[in-house]
Amino acid sequence: MDLLVITQAFFMLGFVAMAAGTLYFVLERGDLKPEHRIAATYAGIITFIAAIMYWIMTDIVGFFDQSAGEIGATMPYRYIDWLLTTPLLLVEFGLIVAIAGAATKGFVSRLVIADIIMIVTGYLGEVGMEGEVSTIVWFVISSLAWLYIVYAVFQVKLDGMPAYAASAVKIMRRFVMFGWAIYPIGTATEEFMKLSGADVSGAVAIAAIVYVIADVLNKVGFGMVAVSAAKKA
């Protein structure tokens, strides 16, 4: 099967998964205590934004018109998605930490600032010319911002937390550490393939498929963990 057709199908699957996640979080919201419904609200907003962006990207890659399809043109929309949703994911992490009774003063703000730096510099690196020093510098700054976020979430003390909250925090940490690692690895691999003279369209398509899988796992999975913890609170 043609790689473009596979990529088109994955973009549609991304939309369907995000839309289904939004419906799930809306339904789950009614099962939470009023003071904890904000966790499901954030989770639903995150997947709703992602669903809209994936619908746009599905059209761009030509799912509805098989004669069309430019995968690389989806890149700006992918970054708009991340710029809006990844800070909300970190706010959601802060909510679960707060529900567990841990101090969060200034914690979420630092995470969000680092996240915005990570996304903006990642975009600047990706739109830059392959192999240029500035492109490498932007990529390094973006990676360092992500490493700071990983460091910060692992500084949250689990001592004294209820078991359900400690378990949720541990899982959400893994999402940030391992799930988010897919993005810099994917970008670095794509840029390396371009520099080595490999098929650029193939590299872009493979990276796009990986990003779709990572987005669904990180957004829907992260939200499910948060809502589950809020239910047990």
C-alpha atoms as a PDB file:
ATOM      1  CA  MET A   1       0.000   0.000   0.000  1.00  0.00           C
ATOM      2  CA  ASP A   2       1.229   3.521  -0.842  1.00  0.00           C
ATOM      3  CA  LEU A   3       2.782   5.354   2.127  1.00  0.00           C
ATOM      4  CA  LEU A   4       0.661   8.443   1.432  1.00  0.00           C
ATOM      5  CA  VAL A   5      -2.549   6.404   1.680  1.00  0.00           C
ATOM      6  CA  ILE A   6      -1.405   4.930   5.005  1.00  0.00           C
ATOM      7  CA  THR A   7      -0.584   8.399   6.312  1.00  0.00           C
ATOM      8  CA  GLN A   8      -3.984   9.708   5.190  1.00  0.00           C
ATOM      9  CA  ALA A   9      -5.678   6.878   7.078  1.00  0.00           C
ATOM     10  CA  PHE A  10      -3.668   7.617  10.243  1.00  0.00           C
ATOM     11  CA  PHE A  11      -4.694  11.281  10.165  1.00  0.00           C
ATOM     12  CA  MET A  12      -8.339  10.241   9.979  1.00  0.00           C
ATOM     13  CA  LEU A  13      -7.788   7.765  12.822  1.00  0.00           C
ATOM     14  CA  GLY A  14      -6.220  10.591  14.808  1.00  0.00           C
ATOM     15  CA  PHE A  15      -9.351  12.701  14.327  1.00  0.00           C
ATOM     16  CA  VAL A  16     -11.678   9.837  15.272  1.00  0.00           C
ATOM     17  CA  ALA A  17      -9.628   8.982  18.378  1.00  0.00           C
ATOM     18  CA  MET A  18      -9.565  12.606  19.563  1.00  0.00           C
ATOM     19  CA  ALA A  19     -13.284  13.059  18.903  1.00  0.00           C
ATOM     20  CA  ALA A  20     -14.077   9.834  20.792  1.00  0.00           C
ATOM     21  CA  GLY A  21     -11.823  10.973  23.647  1.00  0.00           C
ATOM     22  CA  THR A  22     -13.701  14.276  23.850  1.00  0.00           C
ATOM     23  CA  LEU A  23     -17.060  12.475  24.054  1.00  0.00           C
ATOM     24  CA  TYR A  24     -15.686  10.156  26.752  1.00  0.00           C
ATOM     25  CA  PHE A  25     -14.450  13.036  28.921  1.00  0.00           C
ATOM     26  CA  VAL A  26     -17.740  14.922  28.540  1.00  0.00           C
ATOM     27  CA  LEU A  27     -19.647  11.844  29.718  1.00  0.00           C
ATOM     28  CA  GLU A  28     -17.217  11.157  32.567  1.00  0.00           C
ATOM     29  CA  ARG A  29     -17.488  14.732  33.813  1.00  0.00           C
ATOM     30  CA  GLY A  30     -20.944  14.034  35.247  1.00  0.00           C
ATOM     31  CA  ASP A  31     -19.564  11.222  37.409  1.00  0.00           C
ATOM     32  CA  LEU A  32     -17.098  13.514  39.211  1.00  0.00           C
ATOM     33  CA  LYS A  33     -17.621  15.668  42.261  1.00  0.00           C
ATOM     34  CA  PRO A  34     -18.253  19.306  41.266  1.00  0.00           C
ATOM     35  CA  GLU A  35     -14.879  20.438  42.625  1.00  0.00           C
ATOM     36  CA  HIS A  36     -13.054  17.789  40.551  1.00  0.00           C
ATOM     37  CA  ARG A  37     -14.910  18.161  37.241  1.00  0.00           C
ATOM     38  CA  ILE A  38     -12.266  20.609  36.051  1.00  0.00           C
ATOM     39  CA  ALA A  39      -9.960  17.628  35.392  1.00  0.00           C
ATOM     40  CA  ALA A  40     -12.417  16.165  32.868  1.00  0.00           C
ATOM     41  CA  THR A  41     -13.056  19.631  31.434  1.00  0.00           C
ATOM     42  CA  TYR A  42      -9.366  20.164  30.708  1.00  0.00           C
ATOM     43  CA  ALA A  43      -9.042  16.652  29.255  1.00  0.00           C
ATOM     44  CA  GLY A  44     -12.029  17.265  26.967  1.00  0.00           C
ATOM     45  CA  ILE A  45     -10.749  20.670  25.821  1.00  0.00           C
ATOM     46  CA  ILE A  46      -7.362  19.140  24.968  1.00  0.00           C
ATOM     47  CA  THR A  47      -8.823  16.362  22.823  1.00  0.00           C
ATOM     48  CA  PHE A  48     -11.403  18.727  21.282  1.00  0.00           C
ATOM     49  CA  ILE A  49      -8.662  21.094  20.099  1.00  0.00           C
ATOM     50  CA  ALA A  50      -6.683  18.121  18.777  1.00  0.00           C
ATOM     51  CA  ALA A  51      -9.779  16.769  16.981  1.00  0.00           C
ATOM     52  CA  ILE A  52     -10.281  20.095  15.186  1.00  0.00           C
ATOM     53  CA  MET A  53      -6.638  20.233  14.146  1.00  0.00           C
ATOM     54  CA  TYR A  54      -6.674  16.625  12.950  1.00  0.00           C
ATOM     55  CA  TRP A  55      -9.812  17.305  10.910  1.00  0.00           C
ATOM     56  CA  ILE A  56      -7.977  20.185   9.211  1.00  0.00           C
ATOM     57  CA  MET A  57      -4.860  18.070   8.690  1.00  0.00           C
ATOM     58  CA  THR A  58      -6.951  15.167   7.376  1.00  0.00           C
ATOM     59  CA  ASP A  59      -8.258  17.474   4.665  1.00  0.00           C
ATOM     60  CA  ILE A  60      -4.739  18.780   3.926  1.00  0.00           C
ATOM     61  CA  VAL A  61      -3.287  15.287   3.397  1.00  0.00           C
ATOM     62  CA  GLY A  62      -6.086  14.533   0.957  1.00  0.00           C
ATOM     63  CA  PHE A  63      -8.172  11.909   2.756  1.00  0.00           C
ATOM     64  CA  PHE A  64     -11.298  13.272   1.048  1.00  0.00           C
ATOM     65  CA  ASP A  65      -9.528  13.735  -2.284  1.00  0.00           C
ATOM     66  CA  GLN A  66      -7.059  10.949  -2.980  1.00  0.00           C
ATOM     67  CA  SER A  67      -5.518  12.921  -5.845  1.00  0.00           C
ATOM     68  CA  ALA A  68      -4.359  15.586  -3.377  1.00  0.00           C
ATOM     69  CA  GLY A  69      -2.130  15.338  -0.347  1.00  0.00           C
ATOM     70  CA  GLU A  70       0.815  17.306   0.999  1.00  0.00           C
ATOM     71  CA  ILE A  71       1.922  15.878   4.336  1.00  0.00           C
ATOM     72  CA  GLY A  72       4.532  18.543   4.962  1.00  0.00           C
ATOM     73  CA  ALA A  73       1.838  21.246   4.850  1.00  0.00           C
ATOM     74  CA  THR A  74       0.364  19.905   8.094  1.00  0.00           C
ATOM     75  CA  MET A  75       3.435  20.915  10.118  1.00  0.00           C
ATOM     76  CA  PRO A  76       2.232  24.432  11.170  1.00  0.00           C
ATOM     77  CA  TYR A  77      -1.110  23.009  12.330  1.00  0.00           C
ATOM     78  CA  ARG A  78       0.686  20.330  14.317  1.00  0.00           C
ATOM     79  CA  TYR A  79       2.618  23.011  16.188  1.00  0.00           C
ATOM     80  CA  ILE A  80      -0.517  25.105  16.749  1.00  0.00           C
ATOM     81  CA  ASP A  81      -2.071  21.985  18.287  1.00  0.00           C
ATOM     82  CA  TRP A  82       0.932  21.400  20.546  1.00  0.00           C
ATOM     83  CA  LEU A  83       1.182  25.078  21.528  1.00  0.00           C
ATOM     84  CA  LEU A  84      -2.416  24.965  22.760  1.00  0.00           C
ATOM     85  CA  THR A  85      -2.688  21.450  24.172  1.00  0.00           C
ATOM     86  CA  THR A  86       0.649  20.643  25.810  1.00  0.00           C
ATOM     87  CA  PRO A  87       0.433  23.538  28.311  1.00  0.00           C
ATOM     88  CA  LEU A  88      -3.077  22.320  29.184  1.00  0.00           C
ATOM     89  CA  LEU A  89      -1.715  18.812  29.755  1.00  0.00           C
ATOM     90  CA  LEU A  90       0.746  20.247  32.270  1.00  0.00           C
ATOM     91  CA  VAL A  91      -2.019  22.275  33.933  1.00  0.00           C
ATOM     92  CA  GLU A  92      -3.957  19.018  34.205  1.00  0.00           C
ATOM     93  CA  PHE A  93      -0.929  17.399  35.844  1.00  0.00           C
ATOM     94  CA  GLY A  94      -0.874  20.291  38.324  1.00  0.00           C
ATOM     95  CA  LEU A  95      -4.567  19.754  39.070  1.00  0.00           C
ATOM     96  CA  ILE A  96      -3.999  16.140  40.082  1.00  0.00           C
ATOM     97  CA  VAL A  97      -1.035  17.163  42.236  1.00  0.00           C
ATOM     98  CA  ALA A  98      -3.240  19.818  43.875  1.00  0.00           C
ATOM     99  CA  ILE A  99      -6.097  17.335  44.423  1.00  0.00           C
ATOM    100  CA  ALA A 100      -3.579  15.122  46.211  1.00  0.00           C
ATOM    101  CA  GLY A 101      -2.795  18.018  48.557  1.00  0.00           C
ATOM    102  CA  ALA A 102       0.732  18.796  47.359  1.00  0.00           C
ATOM    103  CA  ALA A 103       1.950  22.392  47.071  1.00  0.00           C
ATOM    104  CA  THR A 104       1.753  23.751  43.513  1.00  0.00           C
ATOM    105  CA  LYS A 105       2.528  27.474  43.975  1.00  0.00           C
ATOM    106  CA  GLY A 106       4.479  28.595  40.917  1.00  0.00           C
ATOM    107  CA  PHE A 107       4.948  24.992  39.811  1.00  0.00           C
ATOM    108  CA  VAL A 108       2.459  24.975  36.939  1.00  0.00           C
ATOM    109  CA  SER A 109       3.568  28.429  35.746  1.00  0.00           C
ATOM    110  CA  ARG A 110       7.178  27.246  35.420  1.00  0.00           C
ATOM    111  CA  LEU A 111       6.060  24.156  33.525  1.00  0.00           C
ATOM    112  CA  VAL A 112       3.901  26.132  31.107  1.00  0.00           C
ATOM    113  CA  ILE A 113       6.661  28.677  30.394  1.00  0.00           C
ATOM    114  CA  ALA A 114       9.156  25.873  29.727  1.00  0.00           C
ATOM    115  CA  ASP A 115       6.596  24.142  27.524  1.00  0.00           C
ATOM    116  CA  ILE A 116       5.958  27.241  25.405  1.00  0.00           C
ATOM    117  CA  ILE A 117       9.724  27.664  24.964  1.00  0.00           C
ATOM    118  CA  MET A 118       9.953  24.000  23.946  1.00  0.00           C
ATOM    119  CA  ILE A 119       7.224  24.285  21.298  1.00  0.00           C
ATOM    120  CA  VAL A 120       8.258  27.664  19.856  1.00  0.00           C
ATOM    121  CA  THR A 121      11.940  26.792  19.562  1.00  0.00           C
ATOM    122  CA  GLY A 122      11.033  23.360  18.197  1.00  0.00           C
ATOM    123  CA  TYR A 123       9.023  25.045  15.448  1.00  0.00           C
ATOM    124  CA  LEU A 124      11.854  27.475  14.658  1.00  0.00           C
ATOM    125  CA  GLY A 125      14.230  24.540  14.412  1.00  0.00           C
ATOM    126  CA  GLU A 126      11.958  22.574  12.120  1.00  0.00           C
ATOM    127  CA  VAL A 127      11.351  25.434   9.684  1.00  0.00           C
ATOM    128  CA  GLY A 128      15.075  26.228   9.532  1.00  0.00           C
ATOM    129  CA  MET A 129      17.460  24.870   6.919  1.00  0.00           C
ATOM    130  CA  GLU A 130      18.837  21.400   7.610  1.00  0.00           C
ATOM    131  CA  GLY A 131      22.355  21.439   8.989  1.00  0.00           C
ATOM    132  CA  GLU A 132      22.472  25.169   9.816  1.00  0.00           C
ATOM    133  CA  VAL A 133      23.869  26.135  13.218  1.00  0.00           C
ATOM    134  CA  SER A 134      20.730  28.119  14.101  1.00  0.00           C
ATOM    135  CA  THR A 135      18.546  25.078  13.400  1.00  0.00           C
ATOM    136  CA  ILE A 136      20.663  22.924  15.702  1.00  0.00           C
ATOM    137  CA  VAL A 137      20.635  25.620  18.403  1.00  0.00           C
ATOM    138  CA  TRP A 138      16.834  25.858  18.330  1.00  0.00           C
ATOM    139  CA  PHE A 139      16.548  22.078  18.523  1.00  0.00           C
ATOM    140  CA  VAL A 140      18.932  21.956  21.506  1.00  0.00           C
ATOM    141  CA  ILE A 141      17.000  24.699  23.342  1.00  0.00           C
ATOM    142  CA  SER A 142      13.728  22.866  22.697  1.00  0.00           C
ATOM    143  CA  SER A 143      15.184  19.598  24.002  1.00  0.00           C
ATOM    144  CA  LEU A 144      16.595  21.320  27.097  1.00  0.00           C
ATOM    145  CA  ALA A 145      13.185  22.845  27.847  1.00  0.00           C
ATOM    146  CA  TRP A 146      11.625  19.384  27.632  1.00  0.00           C
ATOM    147  CA  LEU A 147      14.321  17.964  29.936  1.00  0.00           C
ATOM    148  CA  TYR A 148      13.566  20.734  32.441  1.00  0.00           C
ATOM    149  CA  ILE A 149       9.873  19.758  32.380  1.00  0.00           C
ATOM    150  CA  VAL A 150      10.832  16.124  32.985  1.00  0.00           C
ATOM    151  CA  TYR A 151      13.080  17.203  35.877  1.00  0.00           C
ATOM    152  CA  ALA A 152      10.339  19.390  37.378  1.00  0.00           C
ATOM    153  CA  VAL A 153       7.585  16.755  37.319  1.00  0.00           C
ATOM    154  CA  PHE A 154       9.911  14.256  38.961  1.00  0.00           C
ATOM    155  CA  GLN A 155      10.527  16.717  41.810  1.00  0.00           C
ATOM    156  CA  VAL A 156       6.921  16.359  42.979  1.00  0.00           C
ATOM    157  CA  LYS A 157       6.987  14.627  46.349  1.00  0.00           C
ATOM    158  CA  LEU A 158       4.783  11.555  46.556  1.00  0.00           C
ATOM    159  CA  ASP A 159       5.144  11.188  50.332  1.00  0.00           C
ATOM    160  CA  GLY A 160       1.815  11.616  52.047  1.00  0.00           C
ATOM    161  CA  MET A 161      -0.212  11.407  48.843  1.00  0.00           C
ATOM    162  CA  PRO A 162      -3.173   9.009  48.707  1.00  0.00           C
ATOM    163  CA  ALA A 163      -2.285   5.836  46.815  1.00  0.00           C
ATOM    164  CA  TYR A 164      -4.551   6.675  43.851  1.00  0.00           C
ATOM    165  CA  ALA A 165      -2.949  10.107  43.436  1.00  0.00           C
ATOM    166  CA  ALA A 166       0.621   8.832  43.769  1.00  0.00           C
ATOM    167  CA  SER A 167      -0.112   6.174  41.147  1.00  0.00           C
ATOM    168  CA  ALA A 168      -1.599   8.764  38.769  1.00  0.00           C
ATOM    169  CA  VAL A 169       1.363  11.116  39.205  1.00  0.00           C
ATOM    170  CA  LYS A 170       3.805   8.281  38.479  1.00  0.00           C
ATOM    171  CA  ILE A 171       1.966   7.332  35.271  1.00  0.00           C
ATOM    172  CA  MET A 172       1.662  10.945  34.111  1.00  0.00           C
ATOM    173  CA  ARG A 173       5.387  11.427  34.725  1.00  0.00           C
ATOM    174  CA  ARG A 174       6.071   8.525  32.371  1.00  0.00           C
ATOM    175  CA  PHE A 175       3.898  10.164  29.712  1.00  0.00           C
ATOM    176  CA  VAL A 176       5.993  13.333  29.955  1.00  0.00           C
ATOM    177  CA  MET A 177       9.298  11.451  30.007  1.00  0.00           C
ATOM    178  CA  PHE A 178       8.745   8.662  27.504  1.00  0.00           C
ATOM    179  CA  GLY A 179       5.659   9.754  25.560  1.00  0.00           C
ATOM    180  CA  TRP A 180       6.952  13.240  24.887  1.00  0.00           C
ATOM    181  CA  ALA A 181      10.421  11.923  24.005  1.00  0.00           C
ATOM    182  CA  ILE A 182       8.902  10.635  20.759  1.00  0.00           C
ATOM    183  CA  TYR A 183       8.681  14.180  19.379  1.00  0.00           C
ATOM    184  CA  PRO A 184      12.347  15.280  19.591  1.00  0.00           C
ATOM    185  CA  ILE A 185      13.464  11.813  18.531  1.00  0.00           C
ATOM    186  CA  GLY A 186      11.076  11.916  15.566  1.00  0.00           C
ATOM    187  CA  THR A 187      12.215  15.403  14.534  1.00  0.00           C
ATOM    188  CA  ALA A 188      15.906  14.503  14.880  1.00  0.00           C
ATOM    189  CA  THR A 189      15.421  11.308  12.853  1.00  0.00           C
ATOM    190  CA  GLU A 190      13.522  13.161  10.136  1.00  0.00           C
ATOM    191  CA  GLU A 191      16.220  15.858   9.878  1.00  0.00           C
ATOM    192  CA  PHE A 192      18.983  13.219   9.814  1.00  0.00           C
ATOM    193  CA  MET A 193      17.253  11.362   6.976  1.00  0.00           C
ATOM    194  CA  LYS A 194      16.984  14.600   5.001  1.00  0.00           C
ATOM    195  CA  LEU A 195      20.685  15.384   5.532  1.00  0.00           C
ATOM    196  CA  SER A 196      21.721  11.857   4.545  1.00  0.00           C
ATOM    197  CA  GLY A 197      19.923  12.155   1.225  1.00  0.00           C
ATOM    198  CA  ALA A 198      17.136   9.731   2.066  1.00  0.00           C
ATOM    199  CA  ASP A 199      13.667  10.064   0.518  1.00  0.00           C
ATOM    200  CA  VAL A 200      12.344  13.283   2.075  1.00  0.00           C
ATOM    201  CA  SER A 201       8.673  12.509   1.408  1.00  0.00           C
ATOM    202  CA  GLY A 202       9.086   9.101   3.021  1.00  0.00           C
ATOM    203  CA  ALA A 203      10.787  10.600   6.079  1.00  0.00           C
ATOM    204  CA  VAL A 204       8.030  13.191   6.497  1.00  0.00           C
ATOM    205  CA  ALA A 205       5.296  10.548   6.116  1.00  0.00           C
ATOM    206  CA  ILE A 206       6.835   8.177   8.674  1.00  0.00           C
ATOM    207  CA  ALA A 207       7.340  11.026  11.144  1.00  0.00           C
ATOM    208  CA  ALA A 208       3.711  12.115  10.666  1.00  0.00           C
ATOM    209  CA  ILE A 209       2.431   8.593  11.428  1.00  0.00           C
ATOM    210  CA  VAL A 210       4.569   8.409  14.574  1.00  0.00           C
ATOM    211  CA  TYR A 211       3.292  11.822  15.720  1.00  0.00           C
ATOM    212  CA  VAL A 212      -0.335  10.735  15.275  1.00  0.00           C
ATOM    213  CA  ILE A 213       0.203   7.645  17.451  1.00  0.00           C
ATOM    214  CA  ALA A 214       2.080   9.678  20.072  1.00  0.00           C
ATOM    215  CA  ASP A 215      -0.599  12.400  20.114  1.00  0.00           C
ATOM    216  CA  VAL A 216      -3.419   9.939  20.737  1.00  0.00           C
ATOM    217  CA  LEU A 217      -1.522   8.132  23.500  1.00  0.00           C
ATOM    218  CA  ASN A 218      -0.337  11.305  25.192  1.00  0.00           C
ATOM    219  CA  LYS A 219      -3.565  13.296  25.017  1.00  0.00           C
ATOM    220  CA  VAL A 220      -6.264  10.668  25.452  1.00  0.00           C
ATOM    221  CA  GLY A 221      -4.176   8.447  27.748  1.00  0.00           C
ATOM    222  CA  PHE A 222      -3.018  11.356  29.921  1.00  0.00           C
ATOM    223  CA  GLY A 223      -6.594  12.569  30.292  1.00  0.00           C
ATOM    224  CA  MET A 224      -7.906   9.121  31.202  1.00  0.00           C
ATOM    225  CA  VAL A 225      -5.349   8.833  33.992  1.00  0.00           C
ATOM    226  CA  ALA A 226      -6.252  12.292  35.317  1.00  0.00           C
ATOM    227  CA  VAL A 227     -10.010  11.628  35.234  1.00  0.00           C
ATOM    228  CA  SER A 228      -9.563   8.239  36.897  1.00  0.00           C
ATOM    229  CA  ALA A 229      -7.628   9.888  39.735  1.00  0.00           C
ATOM    230  CA  ALA A 230     -10.251  12.636  40.074  1.00  0.00           C
ATOM    231  CA  LYS A 231     -12.955   9.946  40.327  1.00  0.00           C
ATOM    232  CA  LYS A 232     -11.159   8.305  43.243  1.00  0.00           C
ATOM    233  CA  ALA A 233     -10.567  11.589  45.054  1.00  0.00           C
END
